[in-house]
N, C-alpha and C. Protein backbone atom coordinates (compact mmCIF):
# COMPACT_ATOMS: atom_id res chain seq x y z
N UNK A 1 -90.82 104.54 52.94
CA UNK A 1 -91.98 104.63 52.33
C UNK A 1 -92.69 104.32 53.13
N UNK A 2 -94.33 105.01 52.61
CA UNK A 2 -95.36 105.36 53.60
C UNK A 2 -96.35 104.57 52.60
N UNK A 3 -97.02 103.13 53.66
CA UNK A 3 -97.61 102.84 53.75
C UNK A 3 -99.13 103.32 53.65
N UNK A 4 -100.32 103.20 53.17
CA UNK A 4 -101.83 103.62 53.38
C UNK A 4 -102.51 102.67 53.05
N UNK A 5 -103.38 103.62 54.25
CA UNK A 5 -104.83 102.74 53.59
C UNK A 5 -105.46 101.29 54.31
N UNK A 6 -104.60 100.75 55.00
CA UNK A 6 -104.28 99.38 55.67
C UNK A 6 -105.64 98.93 56.67
N UNK A 7 -106.40 97.93 55.39
CA UNK A 7 -107.62 97.35 56.52
C UNK A 7 -107.24 96.00 56.99
N UNK A 8 -106.63 95.13 56.15
CA UNK A 8 -106.33 93.97 56.44
C UNK A 8 -104.71 93.70 57.50
N UNK A 9 -105.08 94.62 58.72
CA UNK A 9 -104.23 93.89 59.90
C UNK A 9 -103.37 93.58 59.98
N UNK A 10 -104.02 91.84 59.52
CA UNK A 10 -103.59 90.92 59.85
C UNK A 10 -102.28 90.52 58.66
N UNK A 11 -102.92 90.41 57.29
CA UNK A 11 -102.34 90.31 56.33
C UNK A 11 -101.31 91.04 55.85
N UNK A 12 -101.11 92.22 56.12
CA UNK A 12 -100.13 93.08 56.80
C UNK A 12 -98.81 92.67 57.17
N UNK A 13 -99.46 92.72 58.57
CA UNK A 13 -97.83 91.44 59.73
C UNK A 13 -97.41 90.54 59.39
N UNK A 14 -98.50 89.89 58.36
CA UNK A 14 -97.58 88.06 58.15
C UNK A 14 -97.12 88.67 56.68
N UNK A 15 -97.44 89.58 56.09
CA UNK A 15 -96.00 89.49 54.81
C UNK A 15 -95.08 90.53 55.50
N UNK A 16 -94.71 91.08 57.05
CA UNK A 16 -94.05 91.78 57.77
C UNK A 16 -93.06 90.73 58.13
N UNK A 17 -93.63 88.70 59.17
CA UNK A 17 -93.44 88.50 59.28
C UNK A 17 -92.85 87.61 58.56
N UNK A 18 -92.87 87.82 56.86
CA UNK A 18 -92.55 86.72 56.07
C UNK A 18 -91.07 87.71 55.68
N UNK A 19 -91.09 88.73 55.85
CA UNK A 19 -89.62 89.43 55.24
C UNK A 19 -88.35 88.43 56.70
N UNK A 20 -87.30 88.56 55.31
CA UNK A 20 -85.99 88.35 55.32
C UNK A 20 -85.10 89.31 56.83
N UNK A 21 -85.39 90.05 56.14
CA UNK A 21 -84.67 91.48 56.44
C UNK A 21 -84.97 92.00 57.97
N UNK A 22 -85.02 92.76 58.34
CA UNK A 22 -85.34 94.20 59.28
C UNK A 22 -86.61 95.31 58.33
N UNK A 23 -87.46 95.06 59.60
CA UNK A 23 -88.89 95.89 58.95
C UNK A 23 -89.14 96.82 59.94
N UNK A 24 -89.03 98.21 59.60
CA UNK A 24 -89.91 99.12 61.28
C UNK A 24 -90.38 100.04 60.52
N UNK A 25 -91.42 100.60 61.11
CA UNK A 25 -91.68 101.50 61.34
C UNK A 25 -91.01 102.37 61.95
N UNK A 26 -90.99 104.09 61.86
CA UNK A 26 -90.52 105.70 62.08
C UNK A 26 -92.47 105.83 62.67
N UNK A 27 -91.94 105.80 63.58
CA UNK A 27 -93.71 106.98 64.80
C UNK A 27 -93.20 108.30 63.93
N UNK A 28 -93.54 108.91 64.85
CA UNK A 28 -94.27 110.27 64.69
C UNK A 28 -92.75 111.32 65.49
N UNK A 29 -92.17 110.86 66.15
CA UNK A 29 -90.76 111.08 67.39
C UNK A 29 -90.25 110.77 66.30
N UNK A 30 -90.03 110.33 65.88
CA UNK A 30 -88.22 109.73 64.58
C UNK A 30 -88.67 108.14 65.31
N UNK A 31 -88.41 107.83 66.26
CA UNK A 31 -88.35 106.75 67.06
C UNK A 31 -88.83 105.39 65.61
N UNK A 32 -87.36 103.97 65.46
CA UNK A 32 -87.81 103.58 65.11
C UNK A 32 -88.01 101.66 65.69
N UNK A 33 -90.04 101.35 65.60
CA UNK A 33 -89.75 100.41 65.92
C UNK A 33 -89.80 99.27 65.22
N UNK A 34 -88.86 98.02 65.72
CA UNK A 34 -88.58 96.62 64.94
C UNK A 34 -89.87 95.86 64.69
N UNK A 35 -90.88 96.26 63.50
CA UNK A 35 -92.31 95.52 63.61
C UNK A 35 -92.13 93.83 63.38
N UNK A 36 -90.81 93.26 63.19
CA UNK A 36 -90.54 92.42 63.21
C UNK A 36 -91.01 91.64 64.84
N UNK A 37 -91.06 92.27 65.70
CA UNK A 37 -90.72 92.11 67.07
C UNK A 37 -92.81 91.70 68.16
N UNK A 38 -93.65 90.80 68.10
CA UNK A 38 -94.70 90.93 68.47
C UNK A 38 -95.07 91.78 69.71
N UNK A 39 -94.36 91.94 70.31
CA UNK A 39 -94.84 92.81 70.76
C UNK A 39 -94.87 94.36 70.45
N UNK A 40 -93.92 95.00 69.97
CA UNK A 40 -93.77 96.34 69.24
C UNK A 40 -94.86 96.08 68.27
N UNK A 41 -95.49 94.38 67.39
CA UNK A 41 -96.50 95.07 66.73
C UNK A 41 -97.62 95.18 67.78
N UNK A 42 -98.29 94.91 68.79
CA UNK A 42 -98.86 95.18 68.73
C UNK A 42 -99.20 96.37 69.84
N UNK A 43 -97.79 97.10 70.08
CA UNK A 43 -98.04 97.65 70.97
C UNK A 43 -98.08 99.39 69.94
N UNK A 44 -97.36 99.02 68.92
CA UNK A 44 -97.52 100.46 68.44
C UNK A 44 -98.72 100.19 66.68
N UNK A 45 -99.22 98.97 67.08
CA UNK A 45 -101.27 99.09 66.13
C UNK A 45 -102.08 99.68 67.37
N UNK A 46 -101.75 99.40 68.53
CA UNK A 46 -102.87 99.44 70.01
C UNK A 46 -103.00 100.95 69.22
N UNK A 47 -101.85 101.80 69.42
CA UNK A 47 -101.55 103.40 69.71
C UNK A 47 -101.64 104.08 68.15
N UNK A 48 -101.54 103.19 67.20
CA UNK A 48 -101.82 104.15 66.33
C UNK A 48 -103.73 104.20 65.71
N UNK A 49 -104.12 103.19 65.69
CA UNK A 49 -105.60 103.08 64.78
C UNK A 49 -105.92 101.94 66.21
N UNK A 50 -107.42 102.52 66.37
CA UNK A 50 -108.68 102.32 67.04
C UNK A 50 -109.96 101.83 66.55
N UNK A 51 -110.02 101.87 65.42
CA UNK A 51 -111.36 101.98 63.98
C UNK A 51 -110.62 100.65 62.92
N UNK A 52 -109.26 99.88 63.31
CA UNK A 52 -109.87 98.95 62.67
C UNK A 52 -109.03 99.41 60.96
N UNK A 53 -108.42 100.68 60.94
CA UNK A 53 -107.48 100.24 59.72
C UNK A 53 -106.05 101.77 59.99
N UNK A 54 -105.41 101.33 59.19
CA UNK A 54 -103.80 102.35 59.88
C UNK A 54 -104.70 103.47 58.91
N UNK A 55 -104.49 104.64 58.47
CA UNK A 55 -104.49 105.75 57.65
C UNK A 55 -102.92 105.55 57.13
N UNK A 56 -102.12 105.85 57.56
CA UNK A 56 -100.55 105.78 56.70
C UNK A 56 -100.05 106.44 58.58
N UNK A 57 -98.79 104.68 57.50
CA UNK A 57 -97.58 105.01 58.25
C UNK A 57 -96.20 105.19 56.46
N UNK A 58 -94.99 105.51 58.15
CA UNK A 58 -93.80 105.27 57.53
C UNK A 58 -93.12 103.98 57.81
N UNK A 59 -92.62 103.28 57.27
CA UNK A 59 -92.33 101.75 57.00
C UNK A 59 -90.89 101.81 55.83
N UNK A 60 -89.74 101.42 57.16
CA UNK A 60 -88.73 100.91 56.51
C UNK A 60 -88.61 100.05 56.18
N UNK A 61 -88.05 99.49 55.25
CA UNK A 61 -87.70 97.78 54.99
C UNK A 61 -86.09 97.53 54.16
N UNK A 62 -85.14 97.49 55.25
CA UNK A 62 -83.95 97.15 54.26
C UNK A 62 -83.68 95.98 53.68
N UNK A 63 -84.52 95.28 52.67
CA UNK A 63 -84.13 94.79 52.06
C UNK A 63 -84.57 94.98 50.49
N UNK A 64 -84.34 94.54 49.60
CA UNK A 64 -85.21 95.10 47.50
C UNK A 64 -86.29 94.80 48.29
N UNK A 65 -86.13 93.15 48.09
CA UNK A 65 -86.72 91.89 47.82
C UNK A 65 -88.15 92.33 49.28
N UNK A 66 -87.73 92.30 50.75
CA UNK A 66 -89.25 92.78 51.08
C UNK A 66 -90.32 94.24 51.24
N UNK A 67 -89.04 94.82 50.64
CA UNK A 67 -90.15 96.49 50.25
C UNK A 67 -90.36 95.93 48.91
N UNK A 68 -90.53 95.12 47.96
CA UNK A 68 -90.82 94.53 47.17
C UNK A 68 -92.32 93.79 47.53
N UNK A 69 -92.12 93.27 48.56
CA UNK A 69 -92.90 92.46 49.28
C UNK A 69 -94.32 93.05 50.02
N UNK A 70 -93.69 94.57 49.85
CA UNK A 70 -95.16 95.63 51.04
C UNK A 70 -95.68 95.93 49.37
N UNK A 71 -94.69 96.47 49.18
CA UNK A 71 -95.62 97.46 48.01
C UNK A 71 -96.29 96.97 46.94
N UNK A 72 -96.12 95.40 47.42
CA UNK A 72 -97.28 93.94 46.28
C UNK A 72 -97.79 94.04 47.28
N UNK A 73 -97.93 93.71 48.87
CA UNK A 73 -99.00 93.43 49.32
C UNK A 73 -100.13 95.20 49.31
N UNK A 74 -100.18 96.12 49.14
CA UNK A 74 -100.22 97.62 49.20
C UNK A 74 -101.70 97.71 48.35
N UNK A 75 -100.50 97.00 46.49
CA UNK A 75 -101.06 97.46 45.56
C UNK A 75 -102.07 96.35 45.36
N UNK A 76 -101.84 95.10 45.89
CA UNK A 76 -102.80 93.50 45.12
C UNK A 76 -103.54 93.30 46.65
N UNK A 77 -102.95 93.59 47.60
CA UNK A 77 -103.48 92.31 48.40
C UNK A 77 -102.84 91.46 48.81
N UNK A 78 -101.62 91.61 48.20
CA UNK A 78 -101.24 89.83 48.20
C UNK A 78 -99.93 89.81 48.46
N UNK A 79 -99.53 88.51 49.87
CA UNK A 79 -98.01 88.49 49.49
C UNK A 79 -96.92 88.82 48.97
């Protein structure tokens, strides 16, 4: 799924960390980073944004419930 215009980065990672299954970020090169890993979170976010906003990411959530959480966060800003 594509996620766009994330301005609450802390809230986004709170939702990612609450997911039960694997959540991955797909890089422009096609690599997949485990977004539940703190190291991957710091590395990926440092390289993706510099102005406090993430314009667009491709995220894969392997569990339907986790995808629903991420969609709800994007739509409502809530977990």
